[in-house]
Amino acid sequence: MDLDEAFSAVEHLASRHRLLVGRGKRGEQGEPLEVEWGAGDIRDIPKLRGLEFVSEIGPHLLELYERYMTGKSPVMTSVTLSTSVVTFIVLGAESPDQVAETLRCGADELVSLTVKGYLSERFSDWKKPSAQVLPFQPRNRE
């Protein structure tokens, strides 16, 4: 389901109880990311404690839930990027527009971190001494 359908599935809940999880497979360069969304009740997360080792998002979701329940933030979003899958976890969403704006900010941060990581990896390559101009050997004039 898309984001609007997932939000419709939880809009009967108070916003502080809304959970949205999106998973998208990364495609080839230039392909748009197709995200499949799921929805649920945040209060069901503690019941997952036996399943946290079954799913790769289980431990991360439990950690995010603990921070959300103790924090002051009305919305908590997490973006996890692996080599083939992008996972979005949104707790406490007010509207699809708020989710989209939060994900946009998260994407900006993710791009920034990716660029910083790339540049830091390549920095040592750029620090190599620049090419030297070899002295020109003049012709012998006799």
N, C-alpha and C. Protein backbone atom coordinates (compact mmCIF):
# COMPACT_ATOMS: atom_id res chain seq x y z
N MET A 1 0.83 -1.18 0.00
CA MET A 1 0.00 0.00 0.00
C MET A 1 0.88 1.24 0.00
N ASP A 2 0.31 2.33 -0.48
CA ASP A 2 1.08 3.58 -0.50
C ASP A 2 0.90 4.30 0.84
N LEU A 3 1.56 5.44 0.98
CA LEU A 3 1.55 6.18 2.24
C LEU A 3 0.15 6.63 2.64
N ASP A 4 -0.64 7.12 1.69
CA ASP A 4 -2.00 7.57 2.01
C ASP A 4 -2.87 6.42 2.52
N GLU A 5 -2.75 5.26 1.89
CA GLU A 5 -3.53 4.09 2.34
C GLU A 5 -3.09 3.64 3.73
N ALA A 6 -1.78 3.65 3.97
CA ALA A 6 -1.27 3.26 5.29
C ALA A 6 -1.74 4.23 6.35
N PHE A 7 -1.73 5.52 6.02
CA PHE A 7 -2.19 6.51 6.99
C PHE A 7 -3.69 6.35 7.25
N SER A 8 -4.45 6.06 6.21
CA SER A 8 -5.90 5.84 6.38
C SER A 8 -6.17 4.67 7.33
N ALA A 9 -5.29 3.67 7.31
CA ALA A 9 -5.47 2.51 8.17
C ALA A 9 -5.28 2.83 9.65
N VAL A 10 -4.56 3.92 9.96
CA VAL A 10 -4.30 4.27 11.36
C VAL A 10 -4.88 5.62 11.78
N GLU A 11 -5.60 6.29 10.89
CA GLU A 11 -6.08 7.61 11.25
C GLU A 11 -7.15 7.59 12.33
N HIS A 12 -7.73 6.43 12.61
CA HIS A 12 -8.69 6.33 13.71
C HIS A 12 -7.99 6.35 15.08
N LEU A 13 -6.68 6.11 15.08
CA LEU A 13 -5.89 6.13 16.32
C LEU A 13 -5.47 7.56 16.65
N ALA A 14 -5.25 7.81 17.93
CA ALA A 14 -4.66 9.09 18.32
C ALA A 14 -3.28 9.17 17.66
N SER A 15 -2.85 10.36 17.27
CA SER A 15 -1.59 10.50 16.52
C SER A 15 -0.41 9.89 17.27
N ARG A 16 -0.40 9.96 18.59
CA ARG A 16 0.74 9.44 19.36
C ARG A 16 0.82 7.91 19.30
N HIS A 17 -0.22 7.25 18.79
CA HIS A 17 -0.23 5.79 18.71
C HIS A 17 -0.02 5.27 17.29
N ARG A 18 0.21 6.17 16.34
CA ARG A 18 0.33 5.75 14.94
C ARG A 18 1.74 5.30 14.60
N LEU A 19 1.83 4.17 13.93
CA LEU A 19 3.11 3.62 13.47
C LEU A 19 3.01 3.38 11.98
N LEU A 20 3.96 3.90 11.24
CA LEU A 20 4.06 3.67 9.80
C LEU A 20 5.44 3.12 9.50
N VAL A 21 5.50 2.05 8.73
CA VAL A 21 6.78 1.46 8.34
C VAL A 21 6.77 1.31 6.83
N GLY A 22 7.76 1.91 6.19
CA GLY A 22 7.88 1.82 4.74
C GLY A 22 9.16 1.10 4.38
N ARG A 23 9.09 0.24 3.38
CA ARG A 23 10.28 -0.49 2.91
C ARG A 23 10.34 -0.36 1.40
N GLY A 24 11.49 0.05 0.94
CA GLY A 24 11.68 0.21 -0.50
C GLY A 24 12.93 -0.49 -0.97
N LYS A 25 12.82 -1.16 -2.08
CA LYS A 25 13.98 -1.81 -2.70
C LYS A 25 14.70 -0.78 -3.56
N ARG A 26 16.00 -0.72 -3.38
CA ARG A 26 16.80 0.20 -4.20
C ARG A 26 17.01 -0.43 -5.56
N GLY A 27 16.74 0.34 -6.58
CA GLY A 27 16.90 -0.15 -7.94
C GLY A 27 18.18 0.36 -8.57
N GLU A 28 18.19 0.34 -9.87
CA GLU A 28 19.33 0.87 -10.63
C GLU A 28 19.38 2.38 -10.49
N GLN A 29 20.49 2.96 -10.88
CA GLN A 29 20.65 4.41 -10.84
C GLN A 29 19.53 5.08 -11.62
N GLY A 30 18.93 6.09 -11.03
CA GLY A 30 17.90 6.85 -11.71
C GLY A 30 16.49 6.31 -11.56
N GLU A 31 16.34 5.08 -11.09
CA GLU A 31 15.01 4.53 -10.87
C GLU A 31 14.40 5.11 -9.61
N PRO A 32 13.14 5.51 -9.65
CA PRO A 32 12.52 6.01 -8.42
C PRO A 32 12.32 4.87 -7.42
N LEU A 33 12.40 5.20 -6.15
CA LEU A 33 12.26 4.21 -5.08
C LEU A 33 10.78 3.90 -4.88
N GLU A 34 10.41 2.64 -5.03
CA GLU A 34 9.03 2.21 -4.78
C GLU A 34 8.95 1.75 -3.33
N VAL A 35 8.19 2.48 -2.51
CA VAL A 35 8.10 2.17 -1.09
C VAL A 35 6.76 1.53 -0.80
N GLU A 36 6.78 0.38 -0.15
CA GLU A 36 5.59 -0.31 0.30
C GLU A 36 5.41 0.00 1.78
N TRP A 37 4.26 0.59 2.15
CA TRP A 37 4.02 1.03 3.52
C TRP A 37 3.13 0.05 4.26
N GLY A 38 3.39 -0.06 5.56
CA GLY A 38 2.54 -0.81 6.47
C GLY A 38 2.19 0.11 7.62
N ALA A 39 1.11 -0.20 8.34
CA ALA A 39 0.66 0.66 9.42
C ALA A 39 0.24 -0.19 10.61
N GLY A 40 0.32 0.41 11.78
CA GLY A 40 -0.09 -0.30 12.98
C GLY A 40 -0.19 0.62 14.17
N ASP A 41 -0.34 0.01 15.33
CA ASP A 41 -0.48 0.73 16.59
C ASP A 41 0.83 0.62 17.35
N ILE A 42 1.37 1.76 17.77
CA ILE A 42 2.63 1.78 18.51
C ILE A 42 2.55 0.92 19.77
N ARG A 43 1.37 0.86 20.37
CA ARG A 43 1.21 0.08 21.61
C ARG A 43 1.42 -1.41 21.41
N ASP A 44 1.45 -1.86 20.15
CA ASP A 44 1.71 -3.28 19.87
C ASP A 44 3.20 -3.60 19.84
N ILE A 45 4.05 -2.59 19.77
CA ILE A 45 5.49 -2.83 19.65
C ILE A 45 6.05 -3.63 20.82
N PRO A 46 5.69 -3.34 22.08
CA PRO A 46 6.25 -4.14 23.18
C PRO A 46 5.93 -5.62 23.07
N LYS A 47 4.87 -5.98 22.36
CA LYS A 47 4.51 -7.39 22.18
C LYS A 47 5.46 -8.09 21.21
N LEU A 48 6.28 -7.31 20.50
CA LEU A 48 7.20 -7.89 19.51
C LEU A 48 8.49 -8.38 20.14
N ARG A 49 8.66 -8.23 21.43
CA ARG A 49 9.94 -8.53 22.06
C ARG A 49 10.46 -9.93 21.75
N GLY A 50 9.58 -10.88 21.54
CA GLY A 50 10.05 -12.22 21.19
C GLY A 50 10.47 -12.34 19.75
N LEU A 51 10.08 -11.38 18.92
CA LEU A 51 10.35 -11.45 17.49
C LEU A 51 11.52 -10.59 17.04
N GLU A 52 12.17 -9.87 17.98
CA GLU A 52 13.16 -8.89 17.54
C GLU A 52 14.34 -9.50 16.78
N PHE A 53 14.58 -10.78 16.94
CA PHE A 53 15.70 -11.38 16.22
C PHE A 53 15.26 -12.00 14.90
N VAL A 54 13.95 -12.04 14.67
CA VAL A 54 13.43 -12.59 13.42
C VAL A 54 13.54 -11.57 12.29
N SER A 55 13.27 -10.32 12.59
CA SER A 55 13.28 -9.27 11.58
C SER A 55 14.50 -8.38 11.75
N GLU A 56 15.05 -7.90 10.64
CA GLU A 56 16.21 -7.02 10.74
C GLU A 56 15.84 -5.65 11.29
N ILE A 57 14.56 -5.28 11.23
CA ILE A 57 14.17 -3.98 11.80
C ILE A 57 13.70 -4.10 13.25
N GLY A 58 13.52 -5.31 13.75
CA GLY A 58 13.01 -5.52 15.10
C GLY A 58 13.78 -4.79 16.19
N PRO A 59 15.09 -5.04 16.33
CA PRO A 59 15.84 -4.35 17.38
C PRO A 59 15.83 -2.83 17.21
N HIS A 60 15.92 -2.36 15.98
CA HIS A 60 15.92 -0.92 15.72
C HIS A 60 14.56 -0.31 16.08
N LEU A 61 13.48 -1.02 15.75
CA LEU A 61 12.14 -0.54 16.06
C LEU A 61 11.93 -0.46 17.57
N LEU A 62 12.40 -1.47 18.30
CA LEU A 62 12.26 -1.45 19.76
C LEU A 62 13.05 -0.29 20.37
N GLU A 63 14.25 -0.05 19.87
CA GLU A 63 15.07 1.06 20.37
C GLU A 63 14.40 2.40 20.08
N LEU A 64 13.87 2.55 18.87
CA LEU A 64 13.18 3.77 18.50
C LEU A 64 11.94 3.97 19.36
N TYR A 65 11.22 2.90 19.63
CA TYR A 65 10.03 2.95 20.49
C TYR A 65 10.39 3.43 21.89
N GLU A 66 11.47 2.90 22.45
CA GLU A 66 11.89 3.30 23.80
C GLU A 66 12.23 4.79 23.83
N ARG A 67 12.94 5.27 22.83
CA ARG A 67 13.29 6.70 22.77
C ARG A 67 12.05 7.56 22.59
N TYR A 68 11.12 7.09 21.76
CA TYR A 68 9.89 7.83 21.50
C TYR A 68 9.05 7.96 22.77
N MET A 69 8.93 6.87 23.54
CA MET A 69 8.11 6.88 24.73
C MET A 69 8.70 7.76 25.83
N THR A 70 10.01 7.95 25.85
CA THR A 70 10.63 8.78 26.88
C THR A 70 10.92 10.19 26.40
N GLY A 71 10.82 10.43 25.10
CA GLY A 71 11.18 11.73 24.54
C GLY A 71 10.01 12.69 24.49
N LYS A 72 10.34 13.89 24.15
CA LYS A 72 9.34 14.96 24.05
C LYS A 72 8.90 15.18 22.60
N SER A 73 9.57 14.54 21.65
CA SER A 73 9.28 14.76 20.24
C SER A 73 7.92 14.16 19.86
N PRO A 74 7.04 14.94 19.18
CA PRO A 74 5.76 14.39 18.77
C PRO A 74 5.87 13.38 17.63
N VAL A 75 6.91 13.50 16.83
CA VAL A 75 7.11 12.57 15.71
C VAL A 75 8.55 12.10 15.74
N MET A 76 8.74 10.81 15.59
CA MET A 76 10.10 10.28 15.51
C MET A 76 10.20 9.48 14.22
N THR A 77 11.22 9.77 13.46
CA THR A 77 11.42 9.12 12.17
C THR A 77 12.81 8.52 12.12
N SER A 78 12.90 7.37 11.49
CA SER A 78 14.19 6.74 11.29
C SER A 78 14.28 6.29 9.84
N VAL A 79 15.42 6.50 9.25
CA VAL A 79 15.67 6.03 7.89
C VAL A 79 16.90 5.14 7.96
N THR A 80 16.74 3.90 7.54
CA THR A 80 17.85 2.95 7.53
C THR A 80 18.13 2.57 6.09
N LEU A 81 19.37 2.64 5.72
CA LEU A 81 19.77 2.40 4.34
C LEU A 81 20.75 1.24 4.30
N SER A 82 20.39 0.17 3.60
CA SER A 82 21.32 -0.93 3.39
C SER A 82 21.66 -0.96 1.90
N THR A 83 22.40 -1.96 1.50
CA THR A 83 22.80 -2.01 0.09
C THR A 83 21.62 -2.19 -0.84
N SER A 84 20.54 -2.83 -0.38
CA SER A 84 19.42 -3.07 -1.29
C SER A 84 18.07 -2.57 -0.79
N VAL A 85 17.96 -2.23 0.50
CA VAL A 85 16.66 -1.86 1.07
C VAL A 85 16.76 -0.56 1.85
N VAL A 86 15.76 0.30 1.69
CA VAL A 86 15.63 1.51 2.49
C VAL A 86 14.40 1.30 3.37
N THR A 87 14.56 1.51 4.69
CA THR A 87 13.46 1.32 5.63
C THR A 87 13.15 2.65 6.31
N PHE A 88 11.88 3.02 6.32
CA PHE A 88 11.42 4.23 7.00
C PHE A 88 10.52 3.80 8.15
N ILE A 89 10.77 4.30 9.34
CA ILE A 89 9.92 4.04 10.49
C ILE A 89 9.46 5.39 11.02
N VAL A 90 8.15 5.59 11.11
CA VAL A 90 7.59 6.86 11.57
C VAL A 90 6.66 6.56 12.74
N LEU A 91 6.94 7.18 13.87
CA LEU A 91 6.11 7.03 15.06
C LEU A 91 5.41 8.36 15.35
N GLY A 92 4.10 8.34 15.56
CA GLY A 92 3.38 9.53 15.97
C GLY A 92 3.05 10.51 14.87
N ALA A 93 2.68 10.03 13.71
CA ALA A 93 2.42 10.91 12.57
C ALA A 93 1.07 11.60 12.70
N GLU A 94 1.05 12.90 12.40
CA GLU A 94 -0.19 13.68 12.41
C GLU A 94 -0.92 13.59 11.07
N SER A 95 -0.15 13.58 9.96
CA SER A 95 -0.75 13.59 8.63
C SER A 95 0.27 13.05 7.62
N PRO A 96 -0.21 12.65 6.45
CA PRO A 96 0.74 12.23 5.40
C PRO A 96 1.69 13.35 5.01
N ASP A 97 1.20 14.60 5.04
CA ASP A 97 2.07 15.74 4.70
C ASP A 97 3.20 15.88 5.71
N GLN A 98 2.89 15.68 6.99
CA GLN A 98 3.93 15.75 8.01
C GLN A 98 4.96 14.64 7.82
N VAL A 99 4.49 13.44 7.47
CA VAL A 99 5.40 12.33 7.20
C VAL A 99 6.30 12.67 6.02
N ALA A 100 5.70 13.20 4.95
CA ALA A 100 6.48 13.55 3.76
C ALA A 100 7.53 14.61 4.09
N GLU A 101 7.15 15.62 4.86
CA GLU A 101 8.11 16.67 5.22
C GLU A 101 9.22 16.12 6.10
N THR A 102 8.86 15.26 7.04
CA THR A 102 9.86 14.65 7.92
C THR A 102 10.82 13.78 7.12
N LEU A 103 10.29 13.02 6.17
CA LEU A 103 11.14 12.17 5.32
C LEU A 103 12.03 13.02 4.42
N ARG A 104 11.51 14.15 3.95
CA ARG A 104 12.34 15.04 3.13
C ARG A 104 13.53 15.55 3.93
N CYS A 105 13.27 15.95 5.17
CA CYS A 105 14.37 16.41 6.03
C CYS A 105 15.36 15.27 6.30
N GLY A 106 14.81 14.08 6.53
CA GLY A 106 15.67 12.91 6.74
C GLY A 106 16.49 12.58 5.51
N ALA A 107 15.88 12.74 4.33
CA ALA A 107 16.61 12.48 3.09
C ALA A 107 17.74 13.48 2.91
N ASP A 108 17.47 14.76 3.23
CA ASP A 108 18.54 15.77 3.16
C ASP A 108 19.70 15.39 4.05
N GLU A 109 19.38 14.94 5.25
CA GLU A 109 20.43 14.55 6.19
C GLU A 109 21.17 13.31 5.69
N LEU A 110 20.42 12.36 5.13
CA LEU A 110 21.03 11.14 4.61
C LEU A 110 21.97 11.45 3.45
N VAL A 111 21.55 12.33 2.55
CA VAL A 111 22.40 12.73 1.43
C VAL A 111 23.65 13.42 1.95
N SER A 112 23.49 14.29 2.93
CA SER A 112 24.62 15.00 3.51
C SER A 112 25.63 14.02 4.11
N LEU A 113 25.12 13.04 4.86
CA LEU A 113 26.02 12.05 5.47
C LEU A 113 26.71 11.22 4.40
N THR A 114 25.98 10.86 3.35
CA THR A 114 26.55 10.05 2.27
C THR A 114 27.66 10.83 1.57
N VAL A 115 27.40 12.09 1.28
CA VAL A 115 28.41 12.93 0.61
C VAL A 115 29.62 13.10 1.51
N LYS A 116 29.40 13.37 2.79
CA LYS A 116 30.52 13.51 3.73
C LYS A 116 31.35 12.23 3.80
N GLY A 117 30.65 11.08 3.83
CA GLY A 117 31.36 9.80 3.86
C GLY A 117 32.18 9.58 2.60
N TYR A 118 31.58 9.89 1.45
CA TYR A 118 32.29 9.74 0.19
C TYR A 118 33.51 10.65 0.14
N LEU A 119 33.33 11.90 0.55
CA LEU A 119 34.45 12.84 0.51
C LEU A 119 35.55 12.45 1.49
N SER A 120 35.17 11.95 2.66
CA SER A 120 36.20 11.56 3.62
C SER A 120 36.98 10.35 3.13
N GLU A 121 36.30 9.44 2.41
CA GLU A 121 37.01 8.28 1.83
C GLU A 121 37.98 8.72 0.75
N ARG A 122 37.60 9.72 -0.03
CA ARG A 122 38.39 10.17 -1.17
C ARG A 122 39.42 11.23 -0.79
N PHE A 123 39.35 11.75 0.42
CA PHE A 123 40.23 12.85 0.82
C PHE A 123 41.70 12.49 0.70
N SER A 124 42.05 11.25 1.09
CA SER A 124 43.45 10.86 1.01
C SER A 124 43.93 10.82 -0.45
N ASP A 125 43.02 10.47 -1.38
CA ASP A 125 43.39 10.48 -2.80
C ASP A 125 43.70 11.90 -3.27
N TRP A 126 42.95 12.86 -2.75
CA TRP A 126 43.12 14.25 -3.17
C TRP A 126 44.34 14.89 -2.55
N LYS A 127 44.85 14.30 -1.48
CA LYS A 127 46.01 14.88 -0.82
C LYS A 127 47.32 14.45 -1.47
N LYS A 128 47.24 13.58 -2.45
CA LYS A 128 48.45 13.17 -3.14
C LYS A 128 49.09 14.40 -3.79
N PRO A 129 50.41 14.42 -3.86
CA PRO A 129 51.05 15.59 -4.45
C PRO A 129 50.62 15.78 -5.90
N SER A 130 50.49 17.01 -6.25
CA SER A 130 50.08 17.29 -7.62
C SER A 130 51.22 16.93 -8.58
N ALA A 131 50.87 16.81 -9.81
CA ALA A 131 51.86 16.42 -10.83
C ALA A 131 52.95 17.48 -10.91
N GLN A 132 54.16 17.01 -11.15
CA GLN A 132 55.27 17.94 -11.31
C GLN A 132 55.51 18.17 -12.79
N VAL A 133 55.88 19.38 -13.11
CA VAL A 133 56.25 19.70 -14.48
C VAL A 133 57.74 19.42 -14.59
N LEU A 134 58.07 18.55 -15.50
CA LEU A 134 59.48 18.21 -15.67
C LEU A 134 60.20 19.34 -16.38
N PRO A 135 61.45 19.56 -15.99
CA PRO A 135 62.19 20.65 -16.65
C PRO A 135 62.41 20.32 -18.13
N PHE A 136 62.33 21.34 -18.94
CA PHE A 136 62.52 21.20 -20.36
C PHE A 136 64.01 21.16 -20.66
N GLN A 137 64.41 20.18 -21.40
CA GLN A 137 65.83 20.08 -21.77
C GLN A 137 66.04 20.89 -23.05
N PRO A 138 66.81 21.93 -22.93
CA PRO A 138 67.06 22.73 -24.14
C PRO A 138 67.92 21.96 -25.13
N ARG A 139 67.77 22.31 -26.40
CA ARG A 139 68.58 21.68 -27.43
C ARG A 139 70.01 22.24 -27.35
N ASN A 140 70.92 21.39 -27.66
CA ASN A 140 72.31 21.85 -27.71
C ASN A 140 72.51 22.63 -29.01
N ARG A 141 72.96 23.86 -28.89
CA ARG A 141 73.21 24.69 -30.09
C ARG A 141 74.71 24.71 -30.33
N GLU A 142 75.06 24.29 -31.38
CA GLU A 142 76.49 24.30 -31.74
C GLU A 142 76.73 24.92 -33.05
